Amino acid sequence: PLVIKKCVSEVEDRGLSVVGIYRLCGSAYRKKDLRDEFEIDSIRTDISADKYPDINVITGVLKDFLRELPEPLFSPALSDIVCAKPCDKEPEEMLQCLGAVQKLTLGYLLDHLKRVAANSSVNKMDYNNLAVCFGPVLCSPPQGS
């Protein structure tokens, strides 16, 4: 989805050195404004530093978008496989329970989070801290349940 691509790109351009990136969510008003813009025209939505100087607004919108997906990226089926016997299967084999779009999106997001963690000496967001921020977002129950 374009929302994910734009937000990830902006975070990588100007947020990888921000201490605690993804820990804060930014102004609720500014997040609503950005979400509305994405709904109206995601292609033309401007999320540059000129328009949204607080990177936490962008990270907050990204986490909200992921949390509100009709089906979480880390599906219950994948969770069951990982929790059952995680060391018995290769990562690619575990991902077979996901649809193509879910698999590509999850891979894209995890690659991004690896880049965030690679800068943990500066941003203090190692894998453990990212898991605290993204575990509930990626494994949240579908909306309306």
Foldseek 3Di string as FASTA:
>chain_A
DLLLVVLLVQCVVPPLLAAPVLVAQDDPVVLVVQVVVCVVPVVPRDPHCVSVVPNSSSSNNNLVVQQAPQAFLCHPQLVCVCVPDVVVDDPVVSCPVDDPVSVVVVVVVVVSLVSSQVSCVRRVCHPVNVCVSCVCSRYPHGPPD
